[in-house]
């Protein structure tokens, strides 16, 4: 019988073909994907000499690998269940928020018919993907909102984590792979922050 650590490693390795296929597909769309370390029973594996609480790029020279073509990307996931990372600032940025604000902003965007790719992590962090460029509105910085841009990265589905799997809340094909300007998402976040949330609305958000 497999022990818990062996079952965990087997489960993660089962994701490798899916991770590889997703990485290739995103690279074909021009997204700068990179292999990242992955969780095991002993910690994050895939890059020696680096300790972190979450996935980091496997390659020390990852900045030089940004924009690698899909054929080369395919070789990166040939052997290990690496996390799937997106290098931000290279055409795609990510606005990170907590899950509660993310749900409320997503409702605002849906109201106006503006689909935006959204990634969610098992730790209830949401990432709204936008075109690169622009600055974060100063008011958003006071509400645990972070702009992931040049020199940073975010995890993409179906990267495994310690407590679950990163997943899409809204897939990129919903908006035909056309990313919005950062200002659109920031405006939705500002509106979500200003909107009063009564007990009924809070219940609806929690059930989403």
N, C-alpha and C. Protein backbone atom coordinates (compact mmCIF):
# COMPACT_ATOMS: atom_id res chain seq x y z
N UNK A 1 0.85 -1.20 0.00
CA UNK A 1 0.00 0.00 0.00
C UNK A 1 0.89 1.25 0.00
N UNK A 2 0.50 2.26 -0.77
CA UNK A 2 1.27 3.50 -0.82
C UNK A 2 1.04 4.32 0.44
N UNK A 3 2.13 4.93 0.96
CA UNK A 3 1.94 5.84 2.08
C UNK A 3 1.47 7.18 1.55
N UNK A 4 1.18 8.11 2.47
CA UNK A 4 0.57 9.38 2.06
C UNK A 4 1.47 10.17 1.13
N UNK A 5 2.79 10.17 1.38
CA UNK A 5 3.70 10.94 0.53
C UNK A 5 3.78 10.34 -0.86
N UNK A 6 3.77 8.99 -0.96
CA UNK A 6 3.80 8.34 -2.28
C UNK A 6 2.52 8.61 -3.04
N UNK A 7 1.38 8.57 -2.34
CA UNK A 7 0.11 8.87 -3.01
C UNK A 7 0.11 10.30 -3.52
N UNK A 8 0.65 11.21 -2.70
CA UNK A 8 0.69 12.62 -3.09
C UNK A 8 1.55 12.81 -4.33
N UNK A 9 2.74 12.19 -4.36
CA UNK A 9 3.61 12.32 -5.51
C UNK A 9 2.99 11.71 -6.75
N UNK A 10 2.31 10.56 -6.59
CA UNK A 10 1.65 9.92 -7.73
C UNK A 10 0.56 10.81 -8.28
N UNK A 11 -0.19 11.44 -7.39
CA UNK A 11 -1.27 12.34 -7.81
C UNK A 11 -0.72 13.52 -8.60
N UNK A 12 0.39 14.09 -8.11
CA UNK A 12 0.96 15.24 -8.79
C UNK A 12 1.52 14.86 -10.16
N UNK A 13 2.15 13.71 -10.23
CA UNK A 13 2.72 13.28 -11.50
C UNK A 13 1.64 12.98 -12.54
N UNK A 14 0.47 12.64 -12.06
CA UNK A 14 -0.63 12.40 -12.99
C UNK A 14 -1.01 13.66 -13.74
N UNK A 15 -0.67 14.82 -13.19
CA UNK A 15 -0.99 16.09 -13.83
C UNK A 15 0.02 16.47 -14.91
N UNK A 16 1.16 15.77 -14.98
CA UNK A 16 2.22 16.19 -15.90
C UNK A 16 1.76 16.29 -17.35
N UNK A 17 1.07 15.28 -17.92
CA UNK A 17 0.62 15.43 -19.31
C UNK A 17 -0.30 16.62 -19.51
N UNK A 18 -1.17 16.87 -18.53
CA UNK A 18 -2.08 18.01 -18.64
C UNK A 18 -1.32 19.33 -18.54
N UNK A 19 -0.35 19.39 -17.64
CA UNK A 19 0.47 20.59 -17.51
C UNK A 19 1.23 20.86 -18.80
N UNK A 20 1.79 19.80 -19.38
CA UNK A 20 2.56 19.95 -20.62
C UNK A 20 1.67 20.43 -21.76
N UNK A 21 0.50 19.83 -21.88
CA UNK A 21 -0.42 20.23 -22.95
C UNK A 21 -0.87 21.68 -22.79
N UNK A 22 -1.16 22.07 -21.56
CA UNK A 22 -1.58 23.45 -21.31
C UNK A 22 -0.45 24.43 -21.61
N UNK A 23 0.77 24.07 -21.22
CA UNK A 23 1.92 24.94 -21.47
C UNK A 23 2.13 25.14 -22.96
N UNK A 24 2.04 24.08 -23.73
CA UNK A 24 2.21 24.17 -25.18
C UNK A 24 1.14 25.06 -25.79
N UNK A 25 -0.10 24.86 -25.36
CA UNK A 25 -1.20 25.66 -25.90
C UNK A 25 -1.04 27.14 -25.59
N UNK A 26 -0.61 27.47 -24.38
CA UNK A 26 -0.42 28.87 -24.01
C UNK A 26 0.76 29.48 -24.78
N UNK A 27 1.82 28.70 -24.97
CA UNK A 27 2.97 29.20 -25.74
C UNK A 27 2.57 29.50 -27.18
N UNK A 28 1.70 28.67 -27.75
CA UNK A 28 1.21 28.94 -29.11
C UNK A 28 0.44 30.25 -29.17
N UNK A 29 -0.17 30.63 -28.06
CA UNK A 29 -0.91 31.89 -28.01
C UNK A 29 0.01 33.08 -27.74
N UNK A 30 1.31 32.81 -27.58
CA UNK A 30 2.26 33.89 -27.34
C UNK A 30 2.46 34.23 -25.88
N UNK A 31 1.94 33.41 -24.97
CA UNK A 31 2.12 33.67 -23.55
C UNK A 31 3.47 33.12 -23.11
N UNK A 32 4.16 33.86 -22.27
CA UNK A 32 5.50 33.48 -21.82
C UNK A 32 5.41 32.56 -20.61
N UNK A 33 5.30 31.27 -20.89
CA UNK A 33 5.17 30.28 -19.83
C UNK A 33 6.54 29.72 -19.46
N UNK A 34 6.66 29.29 -18.21
CA UNK A 34 7.91 28.78 -17.67
C UNK A 34 7.63 27.62 -16.72
N UNK A 35 8.55 26.66 -16.61
CA UNK A 35 8.38 25.61 -15.62
C UNK A 35 8.76 26.12 -14.23
N UNK A 36 7.97 25.74 -13.24
CA UNK A 36 8.24 26.15 -11.87
C UNK A 36 8.38 24.95 -10.95
N UNK A 37 8.93 25.18 -9.79
CA UNK A 37 9.06 24.10 -8.81
C UNK A 37 7.67 23.60 -8.41
N UNK A 38 7.64 22.37 -7.91
CA UNK A 38 6.36 21.75 -7.57
C UNK A 38 6.43 21.17 -6.16
N UNK A 39 5.29 21.05 -5.48
CA UNK A 39 5.30 20.60 -4.09
C UNK A 39 5.44 19.09 -3.97
N UNK A 40 6.21 18.66 -2.99
CA UNK A 40 6.32 17.26 -2.62
C UNK A 40 6.19 17.18 -1.10
N UNK A 41 6.26 15.96 -0.58
CA UNK A 41 6.16 15.80 0.86
C UNK A 41 7.33 16.44 1.59
N UNK A 42 8.44 16.60 0.88
CA UNK A 42 9.64 17.17 1.51
C UNK A 42 9.79 18.67 1.29
N UNK A 43 8.97 19.26 0.45
CA UNK A 43 9.09 20.68 0.14
C UNK A 43 8.87 20.92 -1.34
N UNK A 44 9.39 22.03 -1.84
CA UNK A 44 9.24 22.37 -3.25
C UNK A 44 10.45 21.83 -4.02
N UNK A 45 10.19 21.00 -5.01
CA UNK A 45 11.24 20.33 -5.76
C UNK A 45 11.39 20.94 -7.15
N UNK A 46 12.58 20.74 -7.73
CA UNK A 46 12.79 21.15 -9.11
C UNK A 46 13.92 22.14 -9.30
N UNK A 47 14.37 22.77 -8.21
CA UNK A 47 15.48 23.72 -8.32
C UNK A 47 16.29 23.69 -7.03
N UNK A 48 17.48 23.18 -7.11
CA UNK A 48 18.32 23.04 -5.92
C UNK A 48 18.81 24.40 -5.42
N UNK A 49 18.95 24.50 -4.12
CA UNK A 49 19.53 25.69 -3.52
C UNK A 49 18.61 26.87 -3.39
N UNK A 50 17.33 26.67 -3.69
CA UNK A 50 16.36 27.77 -3.58
C UNK A 50 15.23 27.33 -2.66
N UNK A 51 14.98 28.09 -1.61
CA UNK A 51 13.89 27.80 -0.70
C UNK A 51 12.81 28.86 -0.87
N UNK A 52 11.58 28.41 -0.95
CA UNK A 52 10.46 29.33 -1.13
C UNK A 52 9.19 28.69 -0.60
N UNK A 53 8.19 29.53 -0.31
CA UNK A 53 6.92 29.03 0.18
C UNK A 53 5.99 28.62 -0.95
N UNK A 54 6.37 28.96 -2.18
CA UNK A 54 5.55 28.62 -3.33
C UNK A 54 6.43 28.38 -4.54
N UNK A 55 5.83 28.17 -5.70
CA UNK A 55 6.62 27.86 -6.89
C UNK A 55 7.49 29.03 -7.35
N UNK A 56 8.69 28.69 -7.79
CA UNK A 56 9.61 29.66 -8.39
C UNK A 56 10.11 29.05 -9.69
N UNK A 57 10.60 29.86 -10.62
CA UNK A 57 11.10 29.30 -11.88
C UNK A 57 12.20 28.27 -11.65
N UNK A 58 12.15 27.20 -12.42
CA UNK A 58 13.14 26.14 -12.33
C UNK A 58 14.51 26.62 -12.80
N UNK A 59 14.50 27.42 -13.88
CA UNK A 59 15.75 27.88 -14.47
C UNK A 59 16.17 29.22 -13.87
N UNK A 60 17.44 29.28 -13.41
CA UNK A 60 17.96 30.53 -12.85
C UNK A 60 17.94 31.65 -13.88
N UNK A 61 18.11 31.31 -15.16
CA UNK A 61 18.13 32.31 -16.23
C UNK A 61 16.76 32.45 -16.90
N UNK A 62 15.71 32.32 -16.10
CA UNK A 62 14.36 32.31 -16.67
C UNK A 62 14.03 33.58 -17.45
N UNK A 63 14.61 34.70 -17.08
CA UNK A 63 14.30 35.95 -17.80
C UNK A 63 14.77 35.88 -19.26
N UNK A 64 15.86 35.16 -19.49
CA UNK A 64 16.35 35.00 -20.86
C UNK A 64 15.52 34.01 -21.65
N UNK A 65 14.70 33.22 -20.98
CA UNK A 65 13.89 32.22 -21.64
C UNK A 65 12.48 32.71 -21.95
N UNK A 66 12.15 33.90 -21.51
CA UNK A 66 10.82 34.46 -21.78
C UNK A 66 10.60 34.58 -23.28
N UNK A 67 9.46 34.09 -23.73
CA UNK A 67 9.14 34.14 -25.15
C UNK A 67 9.59 32.92 -25.93
N UNK A 68 10.01 31.86 -25.22
CA UNK A 68 10.45 30.64 -25.87
C UNK A 68 9.31 30.02 -26.68
N UNK A 69 9.65 29.44 -27.85
CA UNK A 69 8.59 28.89 -28.70
C UNK A 69 8.02 27.60 -28.12
N UNK A 70 6.87 27.20 -28.67
CA UNK A 70 6.12 26.08 -28.12
C UNK A 70 6.89 24.77 -28.19
N UNK A 71 7.69 24.57 -29.23
CA UNK A 71 8.44 23.32 -29.36
C UNK A 71 9.42 23.15 -28.20
N UNK A 72 10.10 24.23 -27.83
CA UNK A 72 11.03 24.15 -26.71
C UNK A 72 10.29 24.02 -25.39
N UNK A 73 9.18 24.73 -25.28
CA UNK A 73 8.37 24.63 -24.07
C UNK A 73 7.96 23.18 -23.81
N UNK A 74 7.64 22.45 -24.88
CA UNK A 74 7.21 21.07 -24.73
C UNK A 74 8.26 20.21 -24.05
N UNK A 75 9.53 20.50 -24.29
CA UNK A 75 10.60 19.68 -23.69
C UNK A 75 10.74 19.92 -22.20
N UNK A 76 10.31 21.08 -21.72
CA UNK A 76 10.48 21.39 -20.30
C UNK A 76 9.64 20.49 -19.41
N UNK A 77 8.50 20.06 -19.90
CA UNK A 77 7.60 19.21 -19.10
C UNK A 77 7.70 17.73 -19.49
N UNK A 78 8.83 17.34 -20.11
CA UNK A 78 8.96 15.96 -20.57
C UNK A 78 9.17 14.97 -19.43
N UNK A 79 9.69 15.43 -18.29
CA UNK A 79 10.03 14.47 -17.24
C UNK A 79 9.44 14.73 -15.88
N UNK A 80 9.19 15.99 -15.53
CA UNK A 80 8.75 16.32 -14.17
C UNK A 80 7.42 17.08 -14.20
N UNK A 81 6.62 16.96 -13.13
CA UNK A 81 5.33 17.67 -13.06
C UNK A 81 5.52 19.11 -12.60
N UNK A 82 6.33 19.85 -13.36
CA UNK A 82 6.62 21.23 -12.97
C UNK A 82 5.34 22.07 -12.92
N UNK A 83 5.33 23.02 -12.01
CA UNK A 83 4.25 24.00 -12.00
C UNK A 83 4.29 24.78 -13.30
N UNK A 84 3.15 25.30 -13.70
CA UNK A 84 3.06 26.11 -14.91
C UNK A 84 3.04 27.58 -14.49
N UNK A 85 4.11 28.30 -14.81
CA UNK A 85 4.21 29.70 -14.44
C UNK A 85 4.07 30.58 -15.66
N UNK A 86 3.53 31.76 -15.45
CA UNK A 86 3.44 32.80 -16.49
C UNK A 86 4.33 33.95 -16.08
N UNK A 87 5.30 34.29 -16.92
CA UNK A 87 6.15 35.45 -16.67
C UNK A 87 5.34 36.71 -16.98
N UNK A 88 5.08 37.51 -15.97
CA UNK A 88 4.30 38.73 -16.19
C UNK A 88 5.20 39.85 -16.69
N UNK A 89 4.57 40.85 -17.31
CA UNK A 89 5.32 41.96 -17.86
C UNK A 89 5.76 41.73 -19.29
N UNK A 90 5.52 40.53 -19.82
CA UNK A 90 5.93 40.20 -21.19
C UNK A 90 4.69 40.02 -22.07
N UNK A 91 3.80 41.02 -22.01
CA UNK A 91 2.56 40.95 -22.77
C UNK A 91 1.35 40.72 -21.91
N UNK A 92 1.54 40.05 -20.78
CA UNK A 92 0.45 39.76 -19.86
C UNK A 92 0.85 40.19 -18.45
N UNK A 93 0.00 40.95 -17.80
CA UNK A 93 0.17 41.29 -16.39
C UNK A 93 -0.94 40.60 -15.60
N UNK A 94 -0.82 40.58 -14.29
CA UNK A 94 -1.84 39.98 -13.44
C UNK A 94 -2.12 40.89 -12.25
N UNK A 95 -3.38 41.11 -11.97
CA UNK A 95 -3.78 41.88 -10.80
C UNK A 95 -4.28 40.89 -9.76
N UNK A 96 -3.59 40.83 -8.62
CA UNK A 96 -3.87 39.85 -7.57
C UNK A 96 -4.73 40.47 -6.48
N UNK A 97 -5.78 39.73 -6.11
CA UNK A 97 -6.69 40.18 -5.05
C UNK A 97 -7.10 38.97 -4.21
N UNK A 98 -7.74 39.23 -3.08
CA UNK A 98 -8.27 38.11 -2.31
C UNK A 98 -9.56 37.62 -2.95
N UNK A 99 -9.98 36.42 -2.56
CA UNK A 99 -11.12 35.80 -3.21
C UNK A 99 -12.41 36.59 -3.08
N UNK A 100 -12.64 37.23 -1.94
CA UNK A 100 -13.88 37.99 -1.74
C UNK A 100 -13.97 39.16 -2.71
N UNK A 101 -12.90 39.96 -2.77
CA UNK A 101 -12.91 41.09 -3.69
C UNK A 101 -12.93 40.59 -5.13
N UNK A 102 -12.26 39.49 -5.40
CA UNK A 102 -12.26 38.94 -6.75
C UNK A 102 -13.66 38.59 -7.22
N UNK A 103 -14.44 37.96 -6.36
CA UNK A 103 -15.81 37.60 -6.73
C UNK A 103 -16.65 38.84 -7.02
N UNK A 104 -16.50 39.84 -6.17
CA UNK A 104 -17.29 41.06 -6.35
C UNK A 104 -16.90 41.79 -7.64
N UNK A 105 -15.61 41.86 -7.92
CA UNK A 105 -15.17 42.51 -9.16
C UNK A 105 -15.61 41.71 -10.38
N UNK A 106 -15.58 40.39 -10.28
CA UNK A 106 -16.02 39.56 -11.40
C UNK A 106 -17.50 39.81 -11.70
N UNK A 107 -18.29 40.04 -10.66
CA UNK A 107 -19.70 40.37 -10.87
C UNK A 107 -19.85 41.70 -11.62
N UNK A 108 -19.04 42.67 -11.25
CA UNK A 108 -19.09 43.96 -11.94
C UNK A 108 -18.75 43.78 -13.41
N UNK A 109 -17.70 43.04 -13.70
CA UNK A 109 -17.29 42.82 -15.09
C UNK A 109 -18.37 42.09 -15.87
N UNK A 110 -19.00 41.09 -15.25
CA UNK A 110 -20.08 40.36 -15.94
C UNK A 110 -21.25 41.28 -16.23
N UNK A 111 -21.55 42.17 -15.29
CA UNK A 111 -22.67 43.10 -15.48
C UNK A 111 -22.49 43.94 -16.75
N UNK A 112 -21.24 44.31 -17.02
CA UNK A 112 -20.96 45.14 -18.19
C UNK A 112 -20.54 44.31 -19.40
N UNK A 113 -20.64 42.98 -19.29
CA UNK A 113 -20.32 42.12 -20.42
C UNK A 113 -18.86 42.18 -20.82
N UNK A 114 -17.97 42.22 -19.82
CA UNK A 114 -16.53 42.32 -20.08
C UNK A 114 -15.81 41.11 -19.50
N UNK A 115 -15.76 40.01 -20.26
CA UNK A 115 -15.07 38.82 -19.73
C UNK A 115 -13.56 39.04 -19.64
N UNK A 116 -12.98 38.60 -18.55
CA UNK A 116 -11.55 38.73 -18.29
C UNK A 116 -11.04 37.39 -17.79
N UNK A 117 -9.93 36.89 -18.30
CA UNK A 117 -9.38 35.64 -17.75
C UNK A 117 -9.05 35.80 -16.27
N UNK A 118 -9.51 34.84 -15.47
CA UNK A 118 -9.29 34.90 -14.03
C UNK A 118 -8.76 33.55 -13.55
N UNK A 119 -7.69 33.60 -12.79
CA UNK A 119 -7.08 32.41 -12.19
C UNK A 119 -7.32 32.46 -10.69
N UNK A 120 -7.61 31.31 -10.09
CA UNK A 120 -7.79 31.23 -8.64
C UNK A 120 -6.90 30.14 -8.06
N UNK A 121 -6.34 30.40 -6.90
CA UNK A 121 -5.47 29.44 -6.23
C UNK A 121 -6.20 28.79 -5.07
N UNK A 122 -5.70 27.66 -4.57
CA UNK A 122 -6.33 27.02 -3.41
C UNK A 122 -6.29 27.90 -2.16
N UNK A 123 -5.39 28.88 -2.15
CA UNK A 123 -5.29 29.80 -1.00
C UNK A 123 -6.24 30.99 -1.13
N UNK A 124 -7.18 30.91 -2.07
CA UNK A 124 -8.18 31.95 -2.28
C UNK A 124 -7.57 33.29 -2.71
N UNK A 125 -6.57 33.21 -3.60
CA UNK A 125 -6.03 34.39 -4.26
C UNK A 125 -6.50 34.34 -5.71
N UNK A 126 -6.99 35.47 -6.20
CA UNK A 126 -7.47 35.56 -7.57
C UNK A 126 -6.54 36.46 -8.37
N UNK A 127 -6.34 36.09 -9.63
CA UNK A 127 -5.49 36.85 -10.54
C UNK A 127 -6.29 37.20 -11.80
N UNK A 128 -6.49 38.50 -12.03
CA UNK A 128 -7.14 38.98 -13.25
C UNK A 128 -6.04 39.28 -14.27
N UNK A 129 -6.08 38.62 -15.42
CA UNK A 129 -5.02 38.77 -16.42
C UNK A 129 -5.38 39.89 -17.39
N UNK A 130 -4.42 40.78 -17.62
CA UNK A 130 -4.63 41.94 -18.48
C UNK A 130 -3.43 42.13 -19.41
N UNK A 131 -3.56 43.07 -20.34
CA UNK A 131 -2.41 43.44 -21.15
C UNK A 131 -1.36 44.11 -20.27
N UNK A 132 -0.11 43.92 -20.62
CA UNK A 132 0.96 44.56 -19.86
C UNK A 132 0.92 46.07 -20.02
N UNK A 133 1.37 46.75 -19.00
CA UNK A 133 1.43 48.21 -19.04
C UNK A 133 0.49 48.83 -18.01
N UNK A 134 0.79 50.02 -17.63
CA UNK A 134 -0.05 50.73 -16.67
C UNK A 134 0.42 50.54 -15.24
N UNK A 135 -0.07 51.40 -14.38
CA UNK A 135 0.26 51.36 -12.97
C UNK A 135 -0.97 51.03 -12.15
N UNK A 136 -0.73 50.58 -10.93
CA UNK A 136 -1.84 50.27 -10.05
C UNK A 136 -2.35 51.55 -9.39
N UNK A 137 -3.66 51.72 -9.42
CA UNK A 137 -4.29 52.87 -8.77
C UNK A 137 -3.93 52.87 -7.29
N UNK A 138 -3.55 54.05 -6.78
CA UNK A 138 -3.06 54.11 -5.40
C UNK A 138 -4.10 53.65 -4.39
N UNK A 139 -5.38 53.85 -4.66
CA UNK A 139 -6.41 53.42 -3.71
C UNK A 139 -6.48 51.90 -3.61
N UNK A 140 -6.16 51.21 -4.70
CA UNK A 140 -6.21 49.75 -4.67
C UNK A 140 -5.08 49.17 -3.83
N UNK A 141 -3.96 49.85 -3.81
CA UNK A 141 -2.84 49.37 -3.02
C UNK A 141 -3.14 49.30 -1.54
N UNK A 142 -4.16 50.01 -1.10
CA UNK A 142 -4.55 50.01 0.31
C UNK A 142 -5.50 48.86 0.65
N UNK A 143 -5.85 48.06 -0.36
CA UNK A 143 -6.84 46.99 -0.15
C UNK A 143 -6.30 45.63 -0.55
N UNK A 144 -5.03 45.37 -0.29
CA UNK A 144 -4.44 44.06 -0.57
C UNK A 144 -4.55 43.69 -2.04
N UNK A 145 -4.37 44.68 -2.90
CA UNK A 145 -4.37 44.46 -4.35
C UNK A 145 -2.94 44.68 -4.84
N UNK A 146 -2.44 43.74 -5.65
CA UNK A 146 -1.07 43.79 -6.13
C UNK A 146 -1.03 43.62 -7.64
N UNK A 147 -0.21 44.43 -8.29
CA UNK A 147 0.00 44.29 -9.73
C UNK A 147 1.25 43.47 -9.95
N UNK A 148 1.10 42.32 -10.60
CA UNK A 148 2.23 41.48 -10.97
C UNK A 148 2.65 41.84 -12.39
N UNK A 149 3.84 42.41 -12.50
CA UNK A 149 4.28 42.91 -13.81
C UNK A 149 5.71 42.44 -14.10
N UNK A 150 6.52 43.31 -14.65
CA UNK A 150 7.84 42.94 -15.12
C UNK A 150 8.70 42.31 -14.01
N UNK A 151 9.33 41.18 -14.33
CA UNK A 151 10.21 40.52 -13.38
C UNK A 151 9.51 39.62 -12.39
N UNK A 152 8.22 39.38 -12.57
CA UNK A 152 7.46 38.54 -11.65
C UNK A 152 6.80 37.40 -12.41
N UNK A 153 6.06 36.58 -11.69
CA UNK A 153 5.36 35.46 -12.31
C UNK A 153 4.16 35.09 -11.46
N UNK A 154 3.23 34.36 -12.07
CA UNK A 154 2.08 33.81 -11.36
C UNK A 154 1.88 32.37 -11.82
N UNK A 155 1.26 31.57 -10.97
CA UNK A 155 0.94 30.18 -11.33
C UNK A 155 -0.31 30.13 -12.19
N UNK A 156 -0.30 29.23 -13.16
CA UNK A 156 -1.46 29.02 -14.00
C UNK A 156 -1.98 27.59 -13.83
N UNK A 157 -3.25 27.36 -14.15
CA UNK A 157 -3.82 26.01 -14.08
C UNK A 157 -3.14 25.09 -15.09
N UNK A 158 -3.03 23.82 -14.76
CA UNK A 158 -3.49 23.15 -13.53
C UNK A 158 -2.35 22.88 -12.55
N UNK A 159 -1.59 23.91 -12.20
CA UNK A 159 -0.46 23.73 -11.29
C UNK A 159 -0.93 23.18 -9.95
N UNK A 160 -0.27 22.14 -9.44
CA UNK A 160 -0.62 21.61 -8.13
C UNK A 160 -0.02 22.44 -7.02
N UNK A 161 -0.75 22.59 -5.94
CA UNK A 161 -0.24 23.27 -4.75
C UNK A 161 -0.31 22.32 -3.57
N UNK A 162 0.00 22.82 -2.40
CA UNK A 162 -0.03 21.97 -1.21
C UNK A 162 -1.45 21.63 -0.79
N UNK A 163 -2.40 22.49 -1.12
CA UNK A 163 -3.76 22.30 -0.63
C UNK A 163 -4.78 22.23 -1.77
N UNK A 164 -4.34 21.92 -2.97
CA UNK A 164 -5.26 21.84 -4.08
C UNK A 164 -4.57 22.21 -5.38
N UNK A 165 -5.38 22.54 -6.36
CA UNK A 165 -4.87 22.82 -7.71
C UNK A 165 -5.32 24.21 -8.16
N UNK A 166 -4.41 24.94 -8.77
CA UNK A 166 -4.76 26.24 -9.37
C UNK A 166 -5.76 25.98 -10.50
N UNK A 167 -6.79 26.82 -10.59
CA UNK A 167 -7.82 26.58 -11.61
C UNK A 167 -8.30 27.89 -12.23
N UNK A 168 -8.94 27.75 -13.38
CA UNK A 168 -9.53 28.90 -14.06
C UNK A 168 -10.90 29.20 -13.47
N UNK A 169 -11.14 30.45 -13.13
CA UNK A 169 -12.51 30.92 -12.88
C UNK A 169 -13.13 31.38 -14.19
N UNK A 170 -12.32 32.01 -15.03
CA UNK A 170 -12.74 32.37 -16.40
C UNK A 170 -11.58 32.03 -17.32
N UNK A 171 -11.83 31.17 -18.29
CA UNK A 171 -10.77 30.75 -19.21
C UNK A 171 -10.52 31.81 -20.28
N UNK A 172 -9.30 31.87 -20.81
CA UNK A 172 -8.96 32.89 -21.82
C UNK A 172 -9.78 32.80 -23.09
N UNK A 173 -10.23 31.60 -23.45
CA UNK A 173 -10.98 31.49 -24.70
C UNK A 173 -12.37 32.12 -24.61
N UNK A 174 -12.83 32.39 -23.38
CA UNK A 174 -14.12 33.06 -23.21
C UNK A 174 -14.08 34.46 -23.82
N UNK A 175 -12.90 35.10 -23.76
CA UNK A 175 -12.75 36.44 -24.36
C UNK A 175 -11.90 36.36 -25.63
N UNK A 176 -11.88 35.16 -26.24
CA UNK A 176 -11.16 34.95 -27.50
C UNK A 176 -9.69 35.35 -27.40
N UNK A 177 -9.11 35.17 -26.21
CA UNK A 177 -7.70 35.44 -25.97
C UNK A 177 -7.35 36.92 -26.14
N UNK A 178 -8.35 37.77 -26.11
CA UNK A 178 -8.11 39.22 -26.18
C UNK A 178 -8.12 39.75 -24.74
N UNK A 179 -6.97 40.18 -24.28
CA UNK A 179 -6.86 40.65 -22.90
C UNK A 179 -7.28 42.11 -22.78
N UNK A 180 -7.92 42.47 -21.68
CA UNK A 180 -8.34 43.85 -21.49
C UNK A 180 -7.19 44.73 -21.03
N UNK A 181 -7.38 46.01 -21.15
CA UNK A 181 -6.46 46.97 -20.55
C UNK A 181 -6.57 46.86 -19.03
N UNK A 182 -5.47 47.06 -18.35
CA UNK A 182 -5.46 46.97 -16.89
C UNK A 182 -6.46 47.92 -16.25
N UNK A 183 -6.68 49.05 -16.87
CA UNK A 183 -7.58 50.06 -16.31
C UNK A 183 -9.00 49.52 -16.16
N UNK A 184 -9.43 48.65 -17.08
CA UNK A 184 -10.78 48.10 -17.02
C UNK A 184 -10.96 47.27 -15.75
N UNK A 185 -10.00 46.42 -15.47
CA UNK A 185 -10.09 45.60 -14.26
C UNK A 185 -9.98 46.47 -13.02
N UNK A 186 -9.10 47.44 -13.04
CA UNK A 186 -8.94 48.30 -11.87
C UNK A 186 -10.20 49.10 -11.60
N UNK A 187 -10.86 49.56 -12.64
CA UNK A 187 -12.13 50.27 -12.45
C UNK A 187 -13.18 49.36 -11.82
N UNK A 188 -13.21 48.09 -12.25
CA UNK A 188 -14.16 47.13 -11.69
C UNK A 188 -13.85 46.88 -10.22
N UNK A 189 -12.58 46.80 -9.89
CA UNK A 189 -12.19 46.61 -8.49
C UNK A 189 -12.58 47.81 -7.64
N UNK A 190 -12.37 49.00 -8.16
CA UNK A 190 -12.73 50.20 -7.41
C UNK A 190 -14.24 50.26 -7.19
N UNK A 191 -14.99 49.88 -8.21
CA UNK A 191 -16.45 49.89 -8.06
C UNK A 191 -16.88 48.84 -7.03
N UNK A 192 -16.23 47.67 -7.07
CA UNK A 192 -16.56 46.62 -6.11
C UNK A 192 -16.26 47.06 -4.68
N UNK A 193 -15.20 47.81 -4.50
CA UNK A 193 -14.84 48.28 -3.17
C UNK A 193 -15.81 49.34 -2.66
N UNK A 194 -16.33 50.16 -3.56
CA UNK A 194 -17.24 51.23 -3.16
C UNK A 194 -18.65 50.73 -2.93
N UNK A 195 -19.01 49.60 -3.57
CA UNK A 195 -20.38 49.12 -3.50
C UNK A 195 -20.68 48.57 -2.11
N UNK A 196 -21.78 48.99 -1.49
CA UNK A 196 -22.15 48.43 -0.19
C UNK A 196 -22.53 46.97 -0.34
N UNK A 197 -22.14 46.16 0.61
CA UNK A 197 -22.46 44.73 0.57
C UNK A 197 -23.36 44.42 1.76
N UNK A 198 -24.70 44.30 1.50
CA UNK A 198 -25.61 43.98 2.59
C UNK A 198 -25.60 42.46 2.82
N UNK A 199 -26.36 42.01 3.79
CA UNK A 199 -26.31 40.59 4.16
C UNK A 199 -26.75 39.70 3.02
N UNK A 200 -27.72 40.14 2.23
CA UNK A 200 -28.20 39.31 1.11
C UNK A 200 -27.14 39.23 0.04
N UNK A 201 -26.52 40.35 -0.29
CA UNK A 201 -25.49 40.36 -1.32
C UNK A 201 -24.29 39.53 -0.88
N UNK A 202 -23.95 39.61 0.41
CA UNK A 202 -22.81 38.84 0.91
C UNK A 202 -23.09 37.34 0.79
N UNK A 203 -24.34 36.95 1.03
CA UNK A 203 -24.69 35.55 0.91
C UNK A 203 -24.57 35.07 -0.52
N UNK A 204 -24.97 35.92 -1.48
CA UNK A 204 -24.87 35.56 -2.88
C UNK A 204 -23.41 35.42 -3.29
N UNK A 205 -22.56 36.33 -2.82
CA UNK A 205 -21.14 36.26 -3.14
C UNK A 205 -20.54 34.99 -2.58
N UNK A 206 -20.88 34.64 -1.35
CA UNK A 206 -20.31 33.44 -0.73
C UNK A 206 -20.73 32.19 -1.44
N UNK A 207 -21.91 32.22 -2.07
CA UNK A 207 -22.41 31.03 -2.76
C UNK A 207 -21.89 30.91 -4.18
N UNK A 208 -21.22 31.94 -4.69
CA UNK A 208 -20.76 31.92 -6.07
C UNK A 208 -19.68 30.86 -6.28
